[in-house]
């Protein structure tokens, strides 16, 4: 049973890591990131960086991989959101 939970959790973690791409898709569709909280994504970015550092310190690949992917996707999301910010 532990293996089933482990595989399920790892699979879901990878899905969670790429989920901000749904927001990127919406930003690009609207050509605007108005209403998107960049601060929220910055908080996530710092959290993912901390989890990656912790996973590296523990030599825990299942912790490092999804959080590294999430870190990259979140950074990409921030870049897209900043590029599509309406002029103020």
PDB file of N, CA and C in Angstrom:
ATOM      1  N   UNK A   1       0.813  -1.197   0.000  1.00  0.00           N
ATOM      2  CA  UNK A   1       0.000   0.000   0.000  1.00  0.00           C
ATOM      3  C   UNK A   1       0.860   1.266   0.000  1.00  0.00           C
ATOM      4  N   UNK A   2       1.993   1.232   0.694  1.00  0.00           N
ATOM      5  CA  UNK A   2       2.886   2.380   0.736  1.00  0.00           C
ATOM      6  C   UNK A   2       3.389   2.730  -0.655  1.00  0.00           C
ATOM      7  N   UNK A   3       3.693   1.702  -1.453  1.00  0.00           N
ATOM      8  CA  UNK A   3       4.168   1.933  -2.819  1.00  0.00           C
ATOM      9  C   UNK A   3       3.101   2.614  -3.663  1.00  0.00           C
ATOM     10  N   UNK A   4       1.854   2.193  -3.508  1.00  0.00           N
ATOM     11  CA  UNK A   4       0.752   2.802  -4.259  1.00  0.00           C
ATOM     12  C   UNK A   4       0.631   4.278  -3.906  1.00  0.00           C
ATOM     13  N   UNK A   5       0.700   4.585  -2.616  1.00  0.00           N
ATOM     14  CA  UNK A   5       0.629   5.984  -2.190  1.00  0.00           C
ATOM     15  C   UNK A   5       1.835   6.775  -2.704  1.00  0.00           C
ATOM     16  N   UNK A   6       2.998   6.170  -2.657  1.00  0.00           N
ATOM     17  CA  UNK A   6       4.207   6.838  -3.122  1.00  0.00           C
ATOM     18  C   UNK A   6       4.144   7.172  -4.600  1.00  0.00           C
ATOM     19  N   UNK A   7       3.734   6.210  -5.406  1.00  0.00           N
ATOM     20  CA  UNK A   7       3.612   6.432  -6.852  1.00  0.00           C
ATOM     21  C   UNK A   7       2.514   7.449  -7.135  1.00  0.00           C
ATOM     22  N   UNK A   8       1.402   7.352  -6.444  1.00  0.00           N
ATOM     23  CA  UNK A   8       0.299   8.300  -6.629  1.00  0.00           C
ATOM     24  C   UNK A   8       0.729   9.710  -6.249  1.00  0.00           C
ATOM     25  N   UNK A   9       1.392   9.852  -5.119  1.00  0.00           N
ATOM     26  CA  UNK A   9       1.836  11.167  -4.664  1.00  0.00           C
ATOM     27  C   UNK A   9       2.873  11.761  -5.619  1.00  0.00           C
ATOM     28  N   UNK A  10       3.804  10.946  -6.077  1.00  0.00           N
ATOM     29  CA  UNK A  10       4.837  11.436  -6.994  1.00  0.00           C
ATOM     30  C   UNK A  10       4.216  11.846  -8.329  1.00  0.00           C
ATOM     31  N   UNK A  11       3.278  11.064  -8.808  1.00  0.00           N
ATOM     32  CA  UNK A  11       2.604  11.394 -10.070  1.00  0.00           C
ATOM     33  C   UNK A  11       1.817  12.691  -9.930  1.00  0.00           C
ATOM     34  N   UNK A  12       1.105  12.823  -8.834  1.00  0.00           N
ATOM     35  CA  UNK A  12       0.304  14.029  -8.621  1.00  0.00           C
ATOM     36  C   UNK A  12       1.210  15.250  -8.430  1.00  0.00           C
ATOM     37  N   UNK A  13       2.352  15.055  -7.789  1.00  0.00           N
ATOM     38  CA  UNK A  13       3.300  16.157  -7.598  1.00  0.00           C
ATOM     39  C   UNK A  13       3.784  16.686  -8.949  1.00  0.00           C
ATOM     40  N   UNK A  14       4.026  15.809  -9.898  1.00  0.00           N
ATOM     41  CA  UNK A  14       4.459  16.244 -11.228  1.00  0.00           C
ATOM     42  C   UNK A  14       3.321  16.995 -11.926  1.00  0.00           C
ATOM     43  N   UNK A  15       2.104  16.521 -11.756  1.00  0.00           N
ATOM     44  CA  UNK A  15       0.948  17.211 -12.338  1.00  0.00           C
ATOM     45  C   UNK A  15       0.787  18.595 -11.714  1.00  0.00           C
ATOM     46  N   UNK A  16       0.951  18.675 -10.400  1.00  0.00           N
ATOM     47  CA  UNK A  16       0.877  19.967  -9.716  1.00  0.00           C
ATOM     48  C   UNK A  16       1.978  20.900 -10.200  1.00  0.00           C
ATOM     49  N   UNK A  17       3.140  20.342 -10.497  1.00  0.00           N
ATOM     50  CA  UNK A  17       4.278  21.157 -10.932  1.00  0.00           C
ATOM     51  C   UNK A  17       4.001  21.861 -12.251  1.00  0.00           C
ATOM     52  N   UNK A  18       3.265  21.211 -13.130  1.00  0.00           N
ATOM     53  CA  UNK A  18       2.998  21.810 -14.443  1.00  0.00           C
ATOM     54  C   UNK A  18       1.666  22.558 -14.492  1.00  0.00           C
ATOM     55  N   UNK A  19       0.892  22.501 -13.436  1.00  0.00           N
ATOM     56  CA  UNK A  19      -0.432  23.128 -13.443  1.00  0.00           C
ATOM     57  C   UNK A  19      -0.417  24.642 -13.673  1.00  0.00           C
ATOM     58  N   UNK A  20       0.624  25.384 -13.273  1.00  0.00           N
ATOM     59  CA  UNK A  20       0.628  26.815 -13.606  1.00  0.00           C
ATOM     60  C   UNK A  20       0.615  27.087 -15.110  1.00  0.00           C
ATOM     61  N   UNK A  21       0.944  26.097 -15.913  1.00  0.00           N
ATOM     62  CA  UNK A  21       0.879  26.289 -17.361  1.00  0.00           C
ATOM     63  C   UNK A  21      -0.556  26.552 -17.821  1.00  0.00           C
ATOM     64  N   UNK A  22      -1.536  26.119 -17.039  1.00  0.00           N
ATOM     65  CA  UNK A  22      -2.929  26.448 -17.341  1.00  0.00           C
ATOM     66  C   UNK A  22      -3.142  27.959 -17.222  1.00  0.00           C
ATOM     67  N   UNK A  23      -2.495  28.561 -16.235  1.00  0.00           N
ATOM     68  CA  UNK A  23      -2.582  30.014 -16.063  1.00  0.00           C
ATOM     69  C   UNK A  23      -1.865  30.723 -17.202  1.00  0.00           C
ATOM     70  N   UNK A  24      -0.724  30.195 -17.603  1.00  0.00           N
ATOM     71  CA  UNK A  24       0.019  30.767 -18.734  1.00  0.00           C
ATOM     72  C   UNK A  24      -0.842  30.741 -19.989  1.00  0.00           C
ATOM     73  N   UNK A  25      -1.505  29.625 -20.209  1.00  0.00           N
ATOM     74  CA  UNK A  25      -2.383  29.499 -21.380  1.00  0.00           C
ATOM     75  C   UNK A  25      -3.469  30.565 -21.356  1.00  0.00           C
ATOM     76  N   UNK A  26      -4.043  30.802 -20.190  1.00  0.00           N
ATOM     77  CA  UNK A  26      -5.102  31.800 -20.061  1.00  0.00           C
ATOM     78  C   UNK A  26      -4.559  33.217 -20.270  1.00  0.00           C
ATOM     79  N   UNK A  27      -3.395  33.494 -19.726  1.00  0.00           N
ATOM     80  CA  UNK A  27      -2.775  34.808 -19.912  1.00  0.00           C
ATOM     81  C   UNK A  27      -2.531  35.061 -21.396  1.00  0.00           C
ATOM     82  N   UNK A  28      -2.003  34.073 -22.065  1.00  0.00           N
ATOM     83  CA  UNK A  28      -1.704  34.248 -23.489  1.00  0.00           C
ATOM     84  C   UNK A  28      -2.980  34.361 -24.315  1.00  0.00           C
ATOM     85  N   UNK A  29      -4.008  33.635 -23.925  1.00  0.00           N
ATOM     86  CA  UNK A  29      -5.284  33.715 -24.648  1.00  0.00           C
ATOM     87  C   UNK A  29      -5.883  35.110 -24.521  1.00  0.00           C
ATOM     88  N   UNK A  30      -5.832  35.660 -23.307  1.00  0.00           N
ATOM     89  CA  UNK A  30      -6.395  36.998 -23.059  1.00  0.00           C
ATOM     90  C   UNK A  30      -5.445  38.122 -23.462  1.00  0.00           C
ATOM     91  N   UNK A  31      -4.183  37.768 -23.634  1.00  0.00           N
ATOM     92  CA  UNK A  31      -3.128  38.761 -23.900  1.00  0.00           C
ATOM     93  C   UNK A  31      -3.005  39.775 -22.767  1.00  0.00           C
ATOM     94  N   UNK A  32      -3.285  39.320 -21.565  1.00  0.00           N
ATOM     95  CA  UNK A  32      -3.207  40.185 -20.393  1.00  0.00           C
ATOM     96  C   UNK A  32      -3.069  39.326 -19.136  1.00  0.00           C
ATOM     97  N   UNK A  33      -2.284  39.842 -18.194  1.00  0.00           N
ATOM     98  CA  UNK A  33      -2.187  39.169 -16.905  1.00  0.00           C
ATOM     99  C   UNK A  33      -2.862  39.995 -15.809  1.00  0.00           C
ATOM    100  N   UNK A  34      -3.724  40.915 -16.225  1.00  0.00           N
ATOM    101  CA  UNK A  34      -4.487  41.689 -15.242  1.00  0.00           C
ATOM    102  C   UNK A  34      -5.290  40.709 -14.381  1.00  0.00           C
ATOM    103  N   UNK A  35      -5.281  40.926 -13.119  1.00  0.00           N
ATOM    104  CA  UNK A  35      -6.011  40.048 -12.214  1.00  0.00           C
ATOM    105  C   UNK A  35      -5.187  38.865 -11.722  1.00  0.00           C
ATOM    106  N   UNK A  36      -3.971  38.729 -12.207  1.00  0.00           N
ATOM    107  CA  UNK A  36      -3.089  37.656 -11.772  1.00  0.00           C
ATOM    108  C   UNK A  36      -2.167  38.212 -10.692  1.00  0.00           C
ATOM    109  N   UNK A  37      -2.099  37.531  -9.570  1.00  0.00           N
ATOM    110  CA  UNK A  37      -1.229  37.964  -8.487  1.00  0.00           C
ATOM    111  C   UNK A  37       0.170  37.401  -8.703  1.00  0.00           C
ATOM    112  N   UNK A  38       1.080  38.278  -9.090  1.00  0.00           N
ATOM    113  CA  UNK A  38       2.465  37.846  -9.259  1.00  0.00           C
ATOM    114  C   UNK A  38       3.071  37.529  -7.889  1.00  0.00           C
ATOM    115  N   UNK A  39       2.651  38.258  -6.864  1.00  0.00           N
ATOM    116  CA  UNK A  39       3.121  37.984  -5.508  1.00  0.00           C
ATOM    117  C   UNK A  39       2.850  36.550  -5.085  1.00  0.00           C
ATOM    118  N   UNK A  40       1.696  36.046  -5.446  1.00  0.00           N
ATOM    119  CA  UNK A  40       1.337  34.658  -5.152  1.00  0.00           C
ATOM    120  C   UNK A  40       2.353  33.699  -5.773  1.00  0.00           C
ATOM    121  N   UNK A  41       2.691  33.940  -7.030  1.00  0.00           N
ATOM    122  CA  UNK A  41       3.634  33.065  -7.710  1.00  0.00           C
ATOM    123  C   UNK A  41       5.046  33.215  -7.145  1.00  0.00           C
ATOM    124  N   UNK A  42       5.393  34.404  -6.668  1.00  0.00           N
ATOM    125  CA  UNK A  42       6.704  34.602  -6.038  1.00  0.00           C
ATOM    126  C   UNK A  42       6.778  33.797  -4.736  1.00  0.00           C
ATOM    127  N   UNK A  43       5.704  33.797  -3.958  1.00  0.00           N
ATOM    128  CA  UNK A  43       5.670  32.998  -2.728  1.00  0.00           C
ATOM    129  C   UNK A  43       5.855  31.522  -3.065  1.00  0.00           C
ATOM    130  N   UNK A  44       5.170  31.052  -4.091  1.00  0.00           N
ATOM    131  CA  UNK A  44       5.335  29.656  -4.521  1.00  0.00           C
ATOM    132  C   UNK A  44       6.772  29.392  -4.959  1.00  0.00           C
ATOM    133  N   UNK A  45       7.344  30.323  -5.711  1.00  0.00           N
ATOM    134  CA  UNK A  45       8.708  30.170  -6.213  1.00  0.00           C
ATOM    135  C   UNK A  45       9.697  29.972  -5.064  1.00  0.00           C
ATOM    136  N   UNK A  46       9.592  30.803  -4.045  1.00  0.00           N
ATOM    137  CA  UNK A  46      10.482  30.689  -2.878  1.00  0.00           C
ATOM    138  C   UNK A  46      10.249  29.350  -2.183  1.00  0.00           C
ATOM    139  N   UNK A  47       9.004  28.960  -2.034  1.00  0.00           N
ATOM    140  CA  UNK A  47       8.698  27.675  -1.406  1.00  0.00           C
ATOM    141  C   UNK A  47       9.280  26.501  -2.171  1.00  0.00           C
ATOM    142  N   UNK A  48       9.149  26.517  -3.492  1.00  0.00           N
ATOM    143  CA  UNK A  48       9.709  25.427  -4.301  1.00  0.00           C
ATOM    144  C   UNK A  48      11.232  25.402  -4.180  1.00  0.00           C
ATOM    145  N   UNK A  49      11.862  26.575  -4.164  1.00  0.00           N
ATOM    146  CA  UNK A  49      13.318  26.634  -4.016  1.00  0.00           C
ATOM    147  C   UNK A  49      13.753  26.036  -2.674  1.00  0.00           C
ATOM    148  N   UNK A  50      13.002  26.325  -1.625  1.00  0.00           N
ATOM    149  CA  UNK A  50      13.317  25.766  -0.312  1.00  0.00           C
ATOM    150  C   UNK A  50      13.154  24.243  -0.296  1.00  0.00           C
ATOM    151  N   UNK A  51      12.090  23.744  -0.936  1.00  0.00           N
ATOM    152  CA  UNK A  51      11.887  22.296  -0.994  1.00  0.00           C
ATOM    153  C   UNK A  51      12.978  21.606  -1.809  1.00  0.00           C
ATOM    154  N   UNK A  52      13.417  22.250  -2.889  1.00  0.00           N
ATOM    155  CA  UNK A  52      14.512  21.688  -3.682  1.00  0.00           C
ATOM    156  C   UNK A  52      15.780  21.623  -2.825  1.00  0.00           C
ATOM    157  N   UNK A  53      16.078  22.706  -2.126  1.00  0.00           N
ATOM    158  CA  UNK A  53      17.273  22.733  -1.271  1.00  0.00           C
ATOM    159  C   UNK A  53      17.196  21.646  -0.189  1.00  0.00           C
ATOM    160  N   UNK A  54      16.041  21.519   0.420  1.00  0.00           N
ATOM    161  CA  UNK A  54      15.849  20.490   1.452  1.00  0.00           C
ATOM    162  C   UNK A  54      16.014  19.093   0.850  1.00  0.00           C
ATOM    163  N   UNK A  55      15.399  18.876  -0.307  1.00  0.00           N
ATOM    164  CA  UNK A  55      15.513  17.572  -0.966  1.00  0.00           C
ATOM    165  C   UNK A  55      16.948  17.252  -1.351  1.00  0.00           C
ATOM    166  N   UNK A  56      17.687  18.255  -1.823  1.00  0.00           N
ATOM    167  CA  UNK A  56      19.098  18.041  -2.153  1.00  0.00           C
ATOM    168  C   UNK A  56      19.906  17.698  -0.904  1.00  0.00           C
ATOM    169  N   UNK A  57      19.623  18.404   0.190  1.00  0.00           N
ATOM    170  CA  UNK A  57      20.331  18.138   1.444  1.00  0.00           C
ATOM    171  C   UNK A  57      20.064  16.721   1.945  1.00  0.00           C
ATOM    172  N   UNK A  58      18.871  16.221   1.685  1.00  0.00           N
ATOM    173  CA  UNK A  58      18.502  14.866   2.118  1.00  0.00           C
ATOM    174  C   UNK A  58      18.820  13.803   1.063  1.00  0.00           C
ATOM    175  N   UNK A  59      19.283  14.245  -0.101  1.00  0.00           N
ATOM    176  CA  UNK A  59      19.509  13.324  -1.234  1.00  0.00           C
ATOM    177  C   UNK A  59      18.216  12.570  -1.562  1.00  0.00           C
ATOM    178  N   UNK A  60      17.132  13.323  -1.615  1.00  0.00           N
ATOM    179  CA  UNK A  60      15.791  12.763  -1.807  1.00  0.00           C
ATOM    180  C   UNK A  60      15.268  13.151  -3.192  1.00  0.00           C
ATOM    181  N   UNK A  61      15.572  12.332  -4.185  1.00  0.00           N
ATOM    182  CA  UNK A  61      15.212  12.621  -5.570  1.00  0.00           C
ATOM    183  C   UNK A  61      13.705  12.794  -5.781  1.00  0.00           C
ATOM    184  N   UNK A  62      12.853  11.963  -5.154  1.00  0.00           N
ATOM    185  CA  UNK A  62      11.415  12.176  -5.335  1.00  0.00           C
ATOM    186  C   UNK A  62      10.928  13.526  -4.811  1.00  0.00           C
ATOM    187  N   UNK A  63      11.662  14.142  -3.937  1.00  0.00           N
ATOM    188  CA  UNK A  63      11.328  15.477  -3.445  1.00  0.00           C
ATOM    189  C   UNK A  63      11.917  16.548  -4.364  1.00  0.00           C
ATOM    190  N   UNK A  64      13.099  16.291  -4.892  1.00  0.00           N
ATOM    191  CA  UNK A  64      13.794  17.267  -5.722  1.00  0.00           C
ATOM    192  C   UNK A  64      13.145  17.409  -7.094  1.00  0.00           C
ATOM    193  N   UNK A  65      12.818  16.302  -7.737  1.00  0.00           N
ATOM    194  CA  UNK A  65      12.331  16.358  -9.120  1.00  0.00           C
ATOM    195  C   UNK A  65      11.055  17.173  -9.308  1.00  0.00           C
ATOM    196  N   UNK A  66       9.963  16.860  -8.615  1.00  0.00           N
ATOM    197  CA  UNK A  66       8.757  17.648  -8.860  1.00  0.00           C
ATOM    198  C   UNK A  66       8.895  19.107  -8.436  1.00  0.00           C
ATOM    199  N   UNK A  67       9.650  19.361  -7.370  1.00  0.00           N
ATOM    200  CA  UNK A  67       9.819  20.740  -6.926  1.00  0.00           C
ATOM    201  C   UNK A  67      10.738  21.521  -7.859  1.00  0.00           C
ATOM    202  N   UNK A  68      11.692  20.862  -8.479  1.00  0.00           N
ATOM    203  CA  UNK A  68      12.530  21.525  -9.485  1.00  0.00           C
ATOM    204  C   UNK A  68      11.696  21.888 -10.707  1.00  0.00           C
ATOM    205  N   UNK A  69      10.864  20.961 -11.130  1.00  0.00           N
ATOM    206  CA  UNK A  69       9.978  21.236 -12.267  1.00  0.00           C
ATOM    207  C   UNK A  69       9.024  22.374 -11.922  1.00  0.00           C
ATOM    208  N   UNK A  70       8.457  22.332 -10.725  1.00  0.00           N
ATOM    209  CA  UNK A  70       7.542  23.394 -10.292  1.00  0.00           C
ATOM    210  C   UNK A  70       8.259  24.741 -10.224  1.00  0.00           C
ATOM    211  N   UNK A  71       9.500  24.735  -9.785  1.00  0.00           N
ATOM    212  CA  UNK A  71      10.286  25.964  -9.716  1.00  0.00           C
ATOM    213  C   UNK A  71      10.450  26.572 -11.110  1.00  0.00           C
ATOM    214  N   UNK A  72      10.795  25.743 -12.081  1.00  0.00           N
ATOM    215  CA  UNK A  72      10.975  26.224 -13.453  1.00  0.00           C
ATOM    216  C   UNK A  72       9.665  26.729 -14.054  1.00  0.00           C
ATOM    217  N   UNK A  73       8.601  25.965 -13.877  1.00  0.00           N
ATOM    218  CA  UNK A  73       7.302  26.350 -14.441  1.00  0.00           C
ATOM    219  C   UNK A  73       6.792  27.628 -13.784  1.00  0.00           C
ATOM    220  N   UNK A  74       6.971  27.754 -12.488  1.00  0.00           N
ATOM    221  CA  UNK A  74       6.521  28.954 -11.789  1.00  0.00           C
ATOM    222  C   UNK A  74       7.326  30.175 -12.221  1.00  0.00           C
ATOM    223  N   UNK A  75       8.626  30.014 -12.394  1.00  0.00           N
ATOM    224  CA  UNK A  75       9.453  31.125 -12.882  1.00  0.00           C
ATOM    225  C   UNK A  75       8.990  31.537 -14.284  1.00  0.00           C
ATOM    226  N   UNK A  76       8.702  30.561 -15.123  1.00  0.00           N
ATOM    227  CA  UNK A  76       8.199  30.842 -16.469  1.00  0.00           C
ATOM    228  C   UNK A  76       6.860  31.579 -16.398  1.00  0.00           C
ATOM    229  N   UNK A  77       6.002  31.163 -15.494  1.00  0.00           N
ATOM    230  CA  UNK A  77       4.698  31.803 -15.321  1.00  0.00           C
ATOM    231  C   UNK A  77       4.865  33.267 -14.922  1.00  0.00           C
ATOM    232  N   UNK A  78       5.803  33.545 -14.024  1.00  0.00           N
ATOM    233  CA  UNK A  78       6.062  34.919 -13.605  1.00  0.00           C
ATOM    234  C   UNK A  78       6.535  35.757 -14.789  1.00  0.00           C
ATOM    235  N   UNK A  79       7.434  35.206 -15.584  1.00  0.00           N
ATOM    236  CA  UNK A  79       7.945  35.930 -16.753  1.00  0.00           C
ATOM    237  C   UNK A  79       6.808  36.245 -17.723  1.00  0.00           C
ATOM    238  N   UNK A  80       5.971  35.255 -18.011  1.00  0.00           N
ATOM    239  CA  UNK A  80       4.838  35.468 -18.924  1.00  0.00           C
ATOM    240  C   UNK A  80       3.888  36.517 -18.352  1.00  0.00           C
ATOM    241  N   UNK A  81       3.600  36.417 -17.060  1.00  0.00           N
ATOM    242  CA  UNK A  81       2.683  37.385 -16.429  1.00  0.00           C
ATOM    243  C   UNK A  81       3.248  38.800 -16.491  1.00  0.00           C
ATOM    244  N   UNK A  82       4.541  38.950 -16.254  1.00  0.00           N
ATOM    245  CA  UNK A  82       5.154  40.279 -16.307  1.00  0.00           C
ATOM    246  C   UNK A  82       5.138  40.854 -17.723  1.00  0.00           C
ATOM    247  N   UNK A  83       5.347  39.988 -18.698  1.00  0.00           N
ATOM    248  CA  UNK A  83       5.340  40.451 -20.099  1.00  0.00           C
ATOM    249  C   UNK A  83       3.947  40.850 -20.575  1.00  0.00           C
ATOM    250  N   UNK A  84       2.944  40.308 -19.950  1.00  0.00           N
ATOM    251  CA  UNK A  84       1.556  40.590 -20.372  1.00  0.00           C
ATOM    252  C   UNK A  84       0.843  41.515 -19.394  1.00  0.00           C
ATOM    253  N   UNK A  85       1.609  42.262 -18.592  1.00  0.00           N
ATOM    254  CA  UNK A  85       1.015  43.226 -17.676  1.00  0.00           C
ATOM    255  C   UNK A  85       0.511  44.416 -18.457  1.00  0.00           C
ATOM    256  N   UNK A  86      -0.716  44.853 -18.173  1.00  0.00           N
ATOM    257  CA  UNK A  86      -1.211  46.054 -18.859  1.00  0.00           C
ATOM    258  C   UNK A  86      -0.431  47.294 -18.415  1.00  0.00           C
ATOM    259  N   UNK A  87      -0.255  48.235 -19.330  1.00  0.00           N
ATOM    260  CA  UNK A  87       0.435  49.482 -19.011  1.00  0.00           C
ATOM    261  C   UNK A  87      -0.397  50.268 -17.993  1.00  0.00           C
ATOM    262  N   UNK A  88       0.294  50.890 -17.053  1.00  0.00           N
ATOM    263  CA  UNK A  88      -0.442  51.626 -16.013  1.00  0.00           C
ATOM    264  C   UNK A  88      -0.231  53.091 -16.128  1.00  0.00           C
TER     265      UNK A  88
END
